[in-house]
Amino acid sequence: MRGVVLPLYAADPTFDYGFAMKEIADLNANAVNLLLVLMQDNAESLEMGAVEGRTTPDDRVRTTIRQAREAGLEVMILPIVLLQNPEGDDWRGNLRPDPAEDWFRTYKQRILHYARMAEEEGVAWLSVGSEFSSLESETASWRDLIASVRGEFSGSLIYSCNWDHYDGPDAWWGDLDAVGLSSYYELTNTPDATQNALDTAWIRWREQILAWHRNNVPELPIIFTEIGYPSMDGAAMYPWDYTLEGSQDVTEQAMAYRAFISAWHDRPEAGGFFFFKWLSFDADDALSYSPRGKPAAELVRAWYGVLSRREQQTGASSTSSLLREDDEAGVSD
């Protein structure tokens, strides 16, 4: 899958995402990851649900799915749970419900709701969760949830683990169809790193990921559910920290994109890529994670073009031209 993440973050419940589908398809993409928001009060809450202004209404989700498919894009639905009143460093990665079984009971109802919708709308992929690091040891609950979702949804299932916690679901990865991995790896400790330094850093991370994959779930493809870098100075230092402040630097964002592309181009273990995020509803889009209208988008367009043509062309006659395209896209070995 060649795609981007499209968070359905608009506060206006009637916001029409149709124009974005056309833009995404023009990136030589063939897929889109629709990120939906559920809310719970705090890290200890046992219930979560839809909140007006944060959770996209079902009718708009359905319309957006149809617009994506009309644009020739496969759809992944990825619900996330955010905290309305977090304390300290709390976020969805360190939830502390007690008992956890009660939280899973409520959460399963929400995921099954989206599973039924996904089945009705012909969605290809559904994520059963995202970055619940503190709950990944609840193996019985996850297996029950996954089995229940399979009873409602005939497409493929994935779980999106945090970039530093891909071994958390080791006991139940095999119940899914792919390993989902968010990608916010720290590439440098300086805002002035060279392209070569970023490339080298990403190769180190890649080798760690592949070693784990080879030893644990070699039968499952790796799908990068979120690949994100803000367009600001220091973007490659702490890309996971969305609270960072700084000056605009679209060049550093593009350099980090290029490092990822160079590391993962031609790796058979990788089954899909979703760059985060196509539309931004941030107050200052110039500093946001969105590559839209920035040099990073052109790198994605070039790379996805190479991957697309590789799908269409076979035989020795096409090899030399595709190698030239590799060079132009900045992904030569």
C-alpha atoms as a PDB file:
ATOM      1  CA  MET A   1       0.000   0.000   0.000  1.00  0.00           C
ATOM      2  CA  ARG A   2       1.210   3.464  -0.940  1.00  0.00           C
ATOM      3  CA  GLY A   3      -0.657   6.029   1.093  1.00  0.00           C
ATOM      4  CA  VAL A   4      -0.936   8.845   3.562  1.00  0.00           C
ATOM      5  CA  VAL A   5      -2.826   9.312   6.816  1.00  0.00           C
ATOM      6  CA  LEU A   6      -5.903  11.502   6.588  1.00  0.00           C
ATOM      7  CA  PRO A   7      -7.035  12.392  10.114  1.00  0.00           C
ATOM      8  CA  LEU A   8     -10.726  13.255  10.201  1.00  0.00           C
ATOM      9  CA  TYR A   9     -10.039  16.105  12.599  1.00  0.00           C
ATOM     10  CA  ALA A  10     -12.352  18.809  11.270  1.00  0.00           C
ATOM     11  CA  ALA A  11     -14.531  20.278  14.014  1.00  0.00           C
ATOM     12  CA  ASP A  12     -17.216  20.967  11.416  1.00  0.00           C
ATOM     13  CA  PRO A  13     -19.179  17.689  11.117  1.00  0.00           C
ATOM     14  CA  THR A  14     -20.085  18.546   7.520  1.00  0.00           C
ATOM     15  CA  PHE A  15     -16.481  19.106   6.367  1.00  0.00           C
ATOM     16  CA  ASP A  16     -16.039  17.502   2.934  1.00  0.00           C
ATOM     17  CA  TYR A  17     -12.756  15.595   2.503  1.00  0.00           C
ATOM     18  CA  GLY A  18     -13.419  14.790  -1.141  1.00  0.00           C
ATOM     19  CA  PHE A  19     -10.834  17.242  -2.503  1.00  0.00           C
ATOM     20  CA  ALA A  20      -8.149  15.562  -0.380  1.00  0.00           C
ATOM     21  CA  MET A  21      -8.835  12.178  -1.986  1.00  0.00           C
ATOM     22  CA  LYS A  22      -8.030  13.588  -5.396  1.00  0.00           C
ATOM     23  CA  GLU A  23      -4.828  15.137  -4.071  1.00  0.00           C
ATOM     24  CA  ILE A  24      -3.795  11.877  -2.439  1.00  0.00           C
ATOM     25  CA  ALA A  25      -4.427   9.896  -5.611  1.00  0.00           C
ATOM     26  CA  ASP A  26      -2.256  12.437  -7.474  1.00  0.00           C
ATOM     27  CA  LEU A  27       0.645  11.400  -5.199  1.00  0.00           C
ATOM     28  CA  ASN A  28       0.663   8.041  -7.033  1.00  0.00           C
ATOM     29  CA  ALA A  29      -0.933   6.647  -3.886  1.00  0.00           C
ATOM     30  CA  ASN A  30      -3.285   3.695  -3.897  1.00  0.00           C
ATOM     31  CA  ALA A  31      -4.456   3.821  -0.267  1.00  0.00           C
ATOM     32  CA  VAL A  32      -5.517   6.178   2.499  1.00  0.00           C
ATOM     33  CA  ASN A  33      -5.508   5.678   6.268  1.00  0.00           C
ATOM     34  CA  LEU A  34      -8.559   7.367   7.806  1.00  0.00           C
ATOM     35  CA  LEU A  35      -7.806   8.247  11.411  1.00  0.00           C
ATOM     36  CA  LEU A  36     -10.897   8.493  13.632  1.00  0.00           C
ATOM     37  CA  VAL A  37     -11.024   9.881  17.169  1.00  0.00           C
ATOM     38  CA  LEU A  38     -12.705   8.468  20.255  1.00  0.00           C
ATOM     39  CA  MET A  39     -12.334  10.205  23.610  1.00  0.00           C
ATOM     40  CA  GLN A  40     -12.109   9.112  27.235  1.00  0.00           C
ATOM     41  CA  ASP A  41     -11.782  11.367  30.238  1.00  0.00           C
ATOM     42  CA  ASN A  42      -8.425  10.288  31.671  1.00  0.00           C
ATOM     43  CA  ALA A  43      -5.935   7.428  31.782  1.00  0.00           C
ATOM     44  CA  GLU A  44      -7.954   5.552  34.426  1.00  0.00           C
ATOM     45  CA  SER A  45     -11.337   5.819  32.729  1.00  0.00           C
ATOM     46  CA  LEU A  46     -13.237   2.642  31.913  1.00  0.00           C
ATOM     47  CA  GLU A  47     -15.337   4.111  29.100  1.00  0.00           C
ATOM     48  CA  MET A  48     -14.714   6.020  25.888  1.00  0.00           C
ATOM     49  CA  GLY A  49     -16.951   7.265  23.122  1.00  0.00           C
ATOM     50  CA  ALA A  50     -17.834   9.817  20.504  1.00  0.00           C
ATOM     51  CA  VAL A  51     -17.486  13.494  21.405  1.00  0.00           C
ATOM     52  CA  GLU A  52     -19.022  16.259  19.320  1.00  0.00           C
ATOM     53  CA  GLY A  53     -16.367  18.294  17.558  1.00  0.00           C
ATOM     54  CA  ARG A  54     -13.751  15.547  17.909  1.00  0.00           C
ATOM     55  CA  THR A  55     -15.425  12.369  16.624  1.00  0.00           C
ATOM     56  CA  THR A  56     -16.478  12.416  12.987  1.00  0.00           C
ATOM     57  CA  PRO A  57     -20.165  11.480  12.575  1.00  0.00           C
ATOM     58  CA  ASP A  58     -20.827   8.109  10.978  1.00  0.00           C
ATOM     59  CA  ASP A  59     -22.484   9.554   7.899  1.00  0.00           C
ATOM     60  CA  ARG A  60     -19.428  11.686   7.163  1.00  0.00           C
ATOM     61  CA  VAL A  61     -17.094   8.706   7.694  1.00  0.00           C
ATOM     62  CA  ARG A  62     -19.153   6.688   5.223  1.00  0.00           C
ATOM     63  CA  THR A  63     -19.123   9.515   2.684  1.00  0.00           C
ATOM     64  CA  THR A  64     -15.360   9.879   3.025  1.00  0.00           C
ATOM     65  CA  ILE A  65     -14.811   6.148   2.539  1.00  0.00           C
ATOM     66  CA  ARG A  66     -16.875   6.276  -0.645  1.00  0.00           C
ATOM     67  CA  GLN A  67     -14.968   9.300  -1.910  1.00  0.00           C
ATOM     68  CA  ALA A  68     -11.701   7.471  -1.313  1.00  0.00           C
ATOM     69  CA  ARG A  69     -12.835   4.407  -3.208  1.00  0.00           C
ATOM     70  CA  GLU A  70     -14.126   6.543  -6.076  1.00  0.00           C
ATOM     71  CA  ALA A  71     -10.617   8.035  -6.279  1.00  0.00           C
ATOM     72  CA  GLY A  72      -9.152   4.531  -6.605  1.00  0.00           C
ATOM     73  CA  LEU A  73      -7.834   4.349  -3.050  1.00  0.00           C
ATOM     74  CA  GLU A  74      -8.021   1.371  -0.727  1.00  0.00           C
ATOM     75  CA  VAL A  75      -9.138   2.382   2.758  1.00  0.00           C
ATOM     76  CA  MET A  76      -7.731   1.606   6.187  1.00  0.00           C
ATOM     77  CA  ILE A  77      -9.736   2.738   9.209  1.00  0.00           C
ATOM     78  CA  LEU A  78      -7.639   3.486  12.275  1.00  0.00           C
ATOM     79  CA  PRO A  79      -9.557   4.582  15.389  1.00  0.00           C
ATOM     80  CA  ILE A  80      -7.511   6.172  18.171  1.00  0.00           C
ATOM     81  CA  VAL A  81      -8.448   7.029  21.745  1.00  0.00           C
ATOM     82  CA  LEU A  82      -7.442  10.435  23.099  1.00  0.00           C
ATOM     83  CA  LEU A  83      -7.712  11.807  26.634  1.00  0.00           C
ATOM     84  CA  GLN A  84      -9.906  14.801  27.378  1.00  0.00           C
ATOM     85  CA  ASN A  85      -8.297  15.558  30.755  1.00  0.00           C
ATOM     86  CA  PRO A  86      -4.816  14.031  30.821  1.00  0.00           C
ATOM     87  CA  GLU A  87      -2.660  14.449  33.903  1.00  0.00           C
ATOM     88  CA  GLY A  88       1.099  14.904  33.709  1.00  0.00           C
ATOM     89  CA  ASP A  89       2.561  12.796  30.912  1.00  0.00           C
ATOM     90  CA  ASP A  90      -0.553  10.665  30.421  1.00  0.00           C
ATOM     91  CA  TRP A  91      -1.591   9.691  26.903  1.00  0.00           C
ATOM     92  CA  ARG A  92      -3.163   6.652  25.261  1.00  0.00           C
ATOM     93  CA  GLY A  93       0.108   4.740  25.553  1.00  0.00           C
ATOM     94  CA  ASN A  94      -0.092   4.518  29.367  1.00  0.00           C
ATOM     95  CA  LEU A  95      -3.750   3.894  30.162  1.00  0.00           C
ATOM     96  CA  ARG A  96      -4.418   2.441  33.620  1.00  0.00           C
ATOM     97  CA  PRO A  97      -8.003   1.127  33.717  1.00  0.00           C
ATOM     98  CA  ASP A  98      -8.865  -1.061  36.684  1.00  0.00           C
ATOM     99  CA  PRO A  99     -10.180  -3.562  35.980  1.00  0.00           C
ATOM    100  CA  ALA A 100      -8.824  -3.669  32.444  1.00  0.00           C
ATOM    101  CA  GLU A 101     -11.578  -6.111  31.448  1.00  0.00           C
ATOM    102  CA  ASP A 102     -14.191  -3.387  31.892  1.00  0.00           C
ATOM    103  CA  TRP A 103     -12.270  -1.011  29.628  1.00  0.00           C
ATOM    104  CA  PHE A 104     -11.943  -3.695  26.960  1.00  0.00           C
ATOM    105  CA  ARG A 105     -15.673  -4.418  27.157  1.00  0.00           C
ATOM    106  CA  THR A 106     -16.495  -0.811  26.266  1.00  0.00           C
ATOM    107  CA  TYR A 107     -13.700  -0.508  23.741  1.00  0.00           C
ATOM    108  CA  LYS A 108     -14.811  -3.677  21.948  1.00  0.00           C
ATOM    109  CA  GLN A 109     -18.264  -2.206  21.442  1.00  0.00           C
ATOM    110  CA  ARG A 110     -16.732   0.842  19.734  1.00  0.00           C
ATOM    111  CA  ILE A 111     -14.430  -1.194  17.501  1.00  0.00           C
ATOM    112  CA  LEU A 112     -17.225  -3.575  16.526  1.00  0.00           C
ATOM    113  CA  HIS A 113     -19.287  -0.562  15.503  1.00  0.00           C
ATOM    114  CA  TYR A 114     -16.550   0.503  13.092  1.00  0.00           C
ATOM    115  CA  ALA A 115     -16.056  -3.099  11.970  1.00  0.00           C
ATOM    116  CA  ARG A 116     -19.682  -3.299  10.836  1.00  0.00           C
ATOM    117  CA  MET A 117     -19.393   0.018   9.055  1.00  0.00           C
ATOM    118  CA  ALA A 118     -16.147  -1.072   7.394  1.00  0.00           C
ATOM    119  CA  GLU A 119     -17.762  -4.285   6.181  1.00  0.00           C
ATOM    120  CA  GLU A 120     -20.747  -2.438   4.743  1.00  0.00           C
ATOM    121  CA  GLU A 121     -18.541   0.090   2.942  1.00  0.00           C
ATOM    122  CA  GLY A 122     -16.012  -2.358   1.506  1.00  0.00           C
ATOM    123  CA  VAL A 123     -13.050  -1.158   3.576  1.00  0.00           C
ATOM    124  CA  ALA A 124      -9.863  -3.173   3.021  1.00  0.00           C
ATOM    125  CA  TRP A 125      -8.147  -2.793   6.420  1.00  0.00           C
ATOM    126  CA  LEU A 126      -9.238  -2.096   9.977  1.00  0.00           C
ATOM    127  CA  SER A 127      -6.965  -1.373  12.927  1.00  0.00           C
ATOM    128  CA  VAL A 128      -8.135  -2.912  16.190  1.00  0.00           C
ATOM    129  CA  GLY A 129      -6.073  -0.441  18.226  1.00  0.00           C
ATOM    130  CA  SER A 130      -3.330   2.152  18.239  1.00  0.00           C
ATOM    131  CA  GLU A 131      -0.394   2.620  20.614  1.00  0.00           C
ATOM    132  CA  PHE A 132      -1.970   1.085  23.733  1.00  0.00           C
ATOM    133  CA  SER A 133       1.467   0.130  25.058  1.00  0.00           C
ATOM    134  CA  SER A 134       0.401  -0.343  28.673  1.00  0.00           C
ATOM    135  CA  LEU A 135      -2.433  -2.698  27.692  1.00  0.00           C
ATOM    136  CA  GLU A 136      -0.617  -4.932  25.221  1.00  0.00           C
ATOM    137  CA  SER A 137       0.057  -7.565  27.888  1.00  0.00           C
ATOM    138  CA  GLU A 138      -3.707  -8.202  28.164  1.00  0.00           C
ATOM    139  CA  THR A 139      -3.415 -11.053  25.682  1.00  0.00           C
ATOM    140  CA  ALA A 140      -6.758 -12.746  26.413  1.00  0.00           C
ATOM    141  CA  SER A 141      -8.650  -9.482  25.964  1.00  0.00           C
ATOM    142  CA  TRP A 142      -6.946  -8.698  22.667  1.00  0.00           C
ATOM    143  CA  ARG A 143      -7.553 -12.179  21.306  1.00  0.00           C
ATOM    144  CA  ASP A 144     -11.214 -11.970  22.283  1.00  0.00           C
ATOM    145  CA  LEU A 145     -11.500  -8.542  20.625  1.00  0.00           C
ATOM    146  CA  ILE A 146      -9.798  -9.703  17.424  1.00  0.00           C
ATOM    147  CA  ALA A 147     -11.958 -12.823  17.180  1.00  0.00           C
ATOM    148  CA  SER A 148     -15.098 -10.735  17.683  1.00  0.00           C
ATOM    149  CA  VAL A 149     -14.051  -8.268  14.979  1.00  0.00           C
ATOM    150  CA  ARG A 150     -13.397 -11.095  12.530  1.00  0.00           C
ATOM    151  CA  GLY A 151     -16.985 -12.166  13.082  1.00  0.00           C
ATOM    152  CA  GLU A 152     -18.156  -8.804  11.715  1.00  0.00           C
ATOM    153  CA  PHE A 153     -15.448  -7.807   9.228  1.00  0.00           C
ATOM    154  CA  SER A 154     -14.087  -9.872   6.341  1.00  0.00           C
ATOM    155  CA  GLY A 155     -11.185  -7.564   5.478  1.00  0.00           C
ATOM    156  CA  SER A 156      -7.666  -7.514   6.905  1.00  0.00           C
ATOM    157  CA  LEU A 157      -6.844  -6.636  10.515  1.00  0.00           C
ATOM    158  CA  ILE A 158      -3.885  -4.760  11.927  1.00  0.00           C
ATOM    159  CA  TYR A 159      -2.795  -3.229  15.223  1.00  0.00           C
ATOM    160  CA  SER A 160      -0.713  -0.049  15.208  1.00  0.00           C
ATOM    161  CA  CYS A 161       1.948  -0.229  17.910  1.00  0.00           C
ATOM    162  CA  ASN A 162       4.062   2.656  19.094  1.00  0.00           C
ATOM    163  CA  TRP A 163       7.427   3.076  17.379  1.00  0.00           C
ATOM    164  CA  ASP A 164       9.383   1.975  20.475  1.00  0.00           C
ATOM    165  CA  HIS A 165       7.095  -0.882  21.537  1.00  0.00           C
ATOM    166  CA  TYR A 166       6.669  -3.244  18.601  1.00  0.00           C
ATOM    167  CA  ASP A 167       7.449  -6.274  20.772  1.00  0.00           C
ATOM    168  CA  GLY A 168       4.533  -5.506  23.114  1.00  0.00           C
ATOM    169  CA  PRO A 169       1.932  -7.591  21.232  1.00  0.00           C
ATOM    170  CA  ASP A 170       4.323 -10.507  20.532  1.00  0.00           C
ATOM    171  CA  ALA A 171       1.887 -12.962  22.136  1.00  0.00           C
ATOM    172  CA  TRP A 172      -0.943 -12.044  19.750  1.00  0.00           C
ATOM    173  CA  TRP A 173       0.617 -10.581  16.578  1.00  0.00           C
ATOM    174  CA  GLY A 174      -0.136 -13.904  14.929  1.00  0.00           C
ATOM    175  CA  ASP A 175      -3.885 -13.286  15.303  1.00  0.00           C
ATOM    176  CA  LEU A 176      -3.598 -10.385  12.841  1.00  0.00           C
ATOM    177  CA  ASP A 177      -2.804  -9.982   9.148  1.00  0.00           C
ATOM    178  CA  ALA A 178       0.087  -7.517   9.446  1.00  0.00           C
ATOM    179  CA  VAL A 179       2.345  -5.791  11.940  1.00  0.00           C
ATOM    180  CA  GLY A 180       1.384  -2.140  12.250  1.00  0.00           C
ATOM    181  CA  LEU A 181       4.130   0.246  13.276  1.00  0.00           C
ATOM    182  CA  SER A 182       4.066   3.984  13.818  1.00  0.00           C
ATOM    183  CA  SER A 183       7.335   5.590  12.793  1.00  0.00           C
ATOM    184  CA  TYR A 184       8.600   8.477  14.915  1.00  0.00           C
ATOM    185  CA  TYR A 185      12.172   7.310  15.413  1.00  0.00           C
ATOM    186  CA  GLU A 186      14.778   9.771  16.674  1.00  0.00           C
ATOM    187  CA  LEU A 187      17.415  10.176  13.976  1.00  0.00           C
ATOM    188  CA  THR A 188      19.795  12.744  15.447  1.00  0.00           C
ATOM    189  CA  ASN A 189      20.599  14.865  18.496  1.00  0.00           C
ATOM    190  CA  THR A 190      21.298  18.003  16.492  1.00  0.00           C
ATOM    191  CA  PRO A 191      19.134  20.201  14.252  1.00  0.00           C
ATOM    192  CA  ASP A 192      21.982  20.446  11.750  1.00  0.00           C
ATOM    193  CA  ALA A 193      22.432  16.780  10.845  1.00  0.00           C
ATOM    194  CA  THR A 194      23.543  15.952   7.315  1.00  0.00           C
ATOM    195  CA  GLN A 195      21.543  13.794   4.931  1.00  0.00           C
ATOM    196  CA  ASN A 196      24.133  11.063   5.286  1.00  0.00           C
ATOM    197  CA  ALA A 197      23.769  11.111   9.093  1.00  0.00           C
ATOM    198  CA  LEU A 198      19.988  10.794   8.850  1.00  0.00           C
ATOM    199  CA  ASP A 199      20.275   8.013   6.273  1.00  0.00           C
ATOM    200  CA  THR A 200      22.680   6.109   8.506  1.00  0.00           C
ATOM    201  CA  ALA A 201      20.429   6.538  11.549  1.00  0.00           C
ATOM    202  CA  TRP A 202      17.410   5.173   9.715  1.00  0.00           C
ATOM    203  CA  ILE A 203      19.362   2.159   8.507  1.00  0.00           C
ATOM    204  CA  ARG A 204      20.285   1.372  12.132  1.00  0.00           C
ATOM    205  CA  TRP A 205      16.641   1.523  13.161  1.00  0.00           C
ATOM    206  CA  ARG A 206      15.657  -0.573  10.149  1.00  0.00           C
ATOM    207  CA  GLU A 207      18.095  -3.317  11.072  1.00  0.00           C
ATOM    208  CA  GLN A 208      16.750  -3.448  14.646  1.00  0.00           C
ATOM    209  CA  ILE A 209      13.168  -3.697  13.374  1.00  0.00           C
ATOM    210  CA  LEU A 210      14.051  -6.359  10.823  1.00  0.00           C
ATOM    211  CA  ALA A 211      15.967  -8.434  13.375  1.00  0.00           C
ATOM    212  CA  TRP A 212      12.910  -8.476  15.642  1.00  0.00           C
ATOM    213  CA  HIS A 213      10.628  -9.208  12.684  1.00  0.00           C
ATOM    214  CA  ARG A 214      12.826 -12.059  11.463  1.00  0.00           C
ATOM    215  CA  ASN A 215      12.876 -13.691  14.909  1.00  0.00           C
ATOM    216  CA  ASN A 216       9.208 -13.253  15.777  1.00  0.00           C
ATOM    217  CA  VAL A 217       6.706 -12.684  12.958  1.00  0.00           C
ATOM    218  CA  PRO A 218       8.496 -13.184   9.608  1.00  0.00           C
ATOM    219  CA  GLU A 219       5.247 -14.364   8.033  1.00  0.00           C
ATOM    220  CA  LEU A 220       3.533 -10.991   8.561  1.00  0.00           C
ATOM    221  CA  PRO A 221       4.224  -7.894   6.459  1.00  0.00           C
ATOM    222  CA  ILE A 222       5.201  -4.670   8.215  1.00  0.00           C
ATOM    223  CA  ILE A 223       2.858  -1.780   7.499  1.00  0.00           C
ATOM    224  CA  PHE A 224       3.953   1.671   8.624  1.00  0.00           C
ATOM    225  CA  THR A 225       0.672   3.153   9.802  1.00  0.00           C
ATOM    226  CA  GLU A 226       2.179   6.574  10.576  1.00  0.00           C
ATOM    227  CA  ILE A 227       5.445   8.055   9.271  1.00  0.00           C
ATOM    228  CA  GLY A 228       5.707  11.597  10.550  1.00  0.00           C
ATOM    229  CA  TYR A 229       8.076  14.544  10.748  1.00  0.00           C
ATOM    230  CA  PRO A 230       7.023  18.137  11.447  1.00  0.00           C
ATOM    231  CA  SER A 231       8.167  20.809   9.042  1.00  0.00           C
ATOM    232  CA  MET A 232      10.349  22.607  11.558  1.00  0.00           C
ATOM    233  CA  ASP A 233      13.945  22.929  12.624  1.00  0.00           C
ATOM    234  CA  GLY A 234      14.874  19.857  14.656  1.00  0.00           C
ATOM    235  CA  ALA A 235      12.180  17.684  13.073  1.00  0.00           C
ATOM    236  CA  ALA A 236      14.429  14.624  12.985  1.00  0.00           C
ATOM    237  CA  MET A 237      15.402  14.882  16.664  1.00  0.00           C
ATOM    238  CA  TYR A 238      12.114  14.118  18.418  1.00  0.00           C
ATOM    239  CA  PRO A 239       9.523  13.510  15.709  1.00  0.00           C
ATOM    240  CA  TRP A 240       7.199  11.847  18.234  1.00  0.00           C
ATOM    241  CA  ASP A 241       6.846  15.065  20.247  1.00  0.00           C
ATOM    242  CA  TYR A 242       3.951  16.968  18.667  1.00  0.00           C
ATOM    243  CA  THR A 243       4.280  19.735  21.295  1.00  0.00           C
ATOM    244  CA  LEU A 244       7.659  20.928  19.973  1.00  0.00           C
ATOM    245  CA  GLU A 245       8.019  24.554  18.995  1.00  0.00           C
ATOM    246  CA  GLY A 246      10.464  26.035  16.516  1.00  0.00           C
ATOM    247  CA  SER A 247      10.958  27.753  13.211  1.00  0.00           C
ATOM    248  CA  GLN A 248       9.822  26.388   9.892  1.00  0.00           C
ATOM    249  CA  ASP A 249      12.259  24.096   8.111  1.00  0.00           C
ATOM    250  CA  VAL A 250      10.672  22.212   5.226  1.00  0.00           C
ATOM    251  CA  THR A 251      14.125  21.104   4.087  1.00  0.00           C
ATOM    252  CA  GLU A 252      14.758  19.125   7.282  1.00  0.00           C
ATOM    253  CA  GLN A 253      11.322  17.542   7.000  1.00  0.00           C
ATOM    254  CA  ALA A 254      12.176  16.478   3.445  1.00  0.00           C
ATOM    255  CA  MET A 255      15.579  15.159   4.544  1.00  0.00           C
ATOM    256  CA  ALA A 256      13.912  12.942   7.157  1.00  0.00           C
ATOM    257  CA  TYR A 257      11.445  11.691   4.527  1.00  0.00           C
ATOM    258  CA  ARG A 258      14.327  10.924   2.187  1.00  0.00           C
ATOM    259  CA  ALA A 259      16.121   8.958   4.912  1.00  0.00           C
ATOM    260  CA  PHE A 260      13.039   6.824   5.533  1.00  0.00           C
ATOM    261  CA  ILE A 261      12.493   6.215   1.826  1.00  0.00           C
ATOM    262  CA  SER A 262      16.137   5.286   1.276  1.00  0.00           C
ATOM    263  CA  ALA A 263      16.052   2.818   4.186  1.00  0.00           C
ATOM    264  CA  TRP A 264      12.825   1.044   3.241  1.00  0.00           C
ATOM    265  CA  HIS A 265      12.891   1.149  -0.536  1.00  0.00           C
ATOM    266  CA  ASP A 266      13.062  -2.391  -1.952  1.00  0.00           C
ATOM    267  CA  ARG A 267      12.589  -4.089   1.427  1.00  0.00           C
ATOM    268  CA  PRO A 268      10.224  -7.048   0.863  1.00  0.00           C
ATOM    269  CA  GLU A 269       9.231  -7.110   4.537  1.00  0.00           C
ATOM    270  CA  ALA A 270       7.398  -3.807   4.128  1.00  0.00           C
ATOM    271  CA  GLY A 271       3.841  -4.150   2.885  1.00  0.00           C
ATOM    272  CA  GLY A 272       2.646  -0.566   3.144  1.00  0.00           C
ATOM    273  CA  PHE A 273       3.461   3.039   3.972  1.00  0.00           C
ATOM    274  CA  PHE A 274       1.296   5.876   5.294  1.00  0.00           C
ATOM    275  CA  PHE A 275       2.888   9.298   5.754  1.00  0.00           C
ATOM    276  CA  PHE A 276       1.379  11.398   8.543  1.00  0.00           C
ATOM    277  CA  LYS A 277      -0.591  13.534   7.814  1.00  0.00           C
ATOM    278  CA  TRP A 278      -2.037  14.934   4.597  1.00  0.00           C
ATOM    279  CA  LEU A 279      -4.390  17.585   5.998  1.00  0.00           C
ATOM    280  CA  SER A 280      -3.533  19.652   9.029  1.00  0.00           C
ATOM    281  CA  PHE A 281      -6.029  21.523  11.139  1.00  0.00           C
ATOM    282  CA  ASP A 282      -3.255  23.020  13.263  1.00  0.00           C
ATOM    283  CA  ALA A 283      -3.247  26.749  13.868  1.00  0.00           C
ATOM    284  CA  ASP A 284       0.146  26.995  12.171  1.00  0.00           C
ATOM    285  CA  ASP A 285       0.168  24.618   9.223  1.00  0.00           C
ATOM    286  CA  ALA A 286       3.614  25.891   8.197  1.00  0.00           C
ATOM    287  CA  LEU A 287       5.105  23.964  11.149  1.00  0.00           C
ATOM    288  CA  SER A 288       2.789  20.958  11.044  1.00  0.00           C
ATOM    289  CA  TYR A 289       3.449  17.332  10.150  1.00  0.00           C
ATOM    290  CA  SER A 290       1.630  17.768   6.872  1.00  0.00           C
ATOM    291  CA  PRO A 291       3.853  17.463   3.761  1.00  0.00           C
ATOM    292  CA  ARG A 292       1.103  19.006   1.614  1.00  0.00           C
ATOM    293  CA  GLY A 293       2.516  21.767  -0.570  1.00  0.00           C
ATOM    294  CA  LYS A 294       6.046  21.141   0.772  1.00  0.00           C
ATOM    295  CA  PRO A 295       9.139  19.441  -0.711  1.00  0.00           C
ATOM    296  CA  ALA A 296       8.434  16.248   1.258  1.00  0.00           C
ATOM    297  CA  ALA A 297       5.285  15.694  -0.800  1.00  0.00           C
ATOM    298  CA  GLU A 298       7.283  15.695  -4.007  1.00  0.00           C
ATOM    299  CA  LEU A 299       9.584  13.021  -2.600  1.00  0.00           C
ATOM    300  CA  VAL A 300       6.552  10.882  -1.795  1.00  0.00           C
ATOM    301  CA  ARG A 301       5.110  11.471  -5.252  1.00  0.00           C
ATOM    302  CA  ALA A 302       8.364  10.443  -6.934  1.00  0.00           C
ATOM    303  CA  TRP A 303       8.852   7.349  -4.764  1.00  0.00           C
ATOM    304  CA  TYR A 304       5.268   6.182  -5.067  1.00  0.00           C
ATOM    305  CA  GLY A 305       5.564   6.708  -8.810  1.00  0.00           C
ATOM    306  CA  VAL A 306       8.531   4.327  -8.920  1.00  0.00           C
ATOM    307  CA  LEU A 307       6.683   1.744  -6.809  1.00  0.00           C
ATOM    308  CA  SER A 308       3.573   2.075  -8.958  1.00  0.00           C
ATOM    309  CA  ARG A 309       5.457   1.570 -12.198  1.00  0.00           C
ATOM    310  CA  ARG A 310       7.241  -1.435 -10.723  1.00  0.00           C
ATOM    311  CA  GLU A 311       3.857  -3.006 -10.178  1.00  0.00           C
ATOM    312  CA  GLN A 312       2.907  -2.352 -13.787  1.00  0.00           C
ATOM    313  CA  GLN A 313       6.150  -3.188 -15.551  1.00  0.00           C
ATOM    314  CA  THR A 314       7.887  -6.548 -15.648  1.00  0.00           C
ATOM    315  CA  GLY A 315      10.768  -7.993 -17.605  1.00  0.00           C
ATOM    316  CA  ALA A 316      14.334  -6.973 -18.281  1.00  0.00           C
ATOM    317  CA  SER A 317      13.332  -4.280 -20.753  1.00  0.00           C
ATOM    318  CA  SER A 318      12.005  -2.091 -17.939  1.00  0.00           C
ATOM    319  CA  THR A 319      14.864  -2.563 -15.490  1.00  0.00           C
ATOM    320  CA  SER A 320      17.188   0.200 -16.668  1.00  0.00           C
ATOM    321  CA  SER A 321      14.466   2.831 -16.795  1.00  0.00           C
ATOM    322  CA  LEU A 322      13.285   1.951 -13.298  1.00  0.00           C
ATOM    323  CA  LEU A 323      16.816   2.179 -11.950  1.00  0.00           C
ATOM    324  CA  ARG A 324      17.051   5.668 -13.422  1.00  0.00           C
ATOM    325  CA  GLU A 325      13.783   6.532 -11.734  1.00  0.00           C
ATOM    326  CA  ASP A 326      15.240   5.282  -8.436  1.00  0.00           C
ATOM    327  CA  ASP A 327      18.015   7.822  -8.774  1.00  0.00           C
ATOM    328  CA  GLU A 328      15.568  10.615  -9.585  1.00  0.00           C
ATOM    329  CA  ALA A 329      13.425   9.708  -6.571  1.00  0.00           C
ATOM    330  CA  GLY A 330      16.484   9.696  -4.305  1.00  0.00           C
ATOM    331  CA  VAL A 331      16.212   6.030  -3.369  1.00  0.00           C
ATOM    332  CA  SER A 332      19.260   4.536  -5.042  1.00  0.00           C
ATOM    333  CA  ASP A 333      21.324   2.186  -2.877  1.00  0.00           C
END
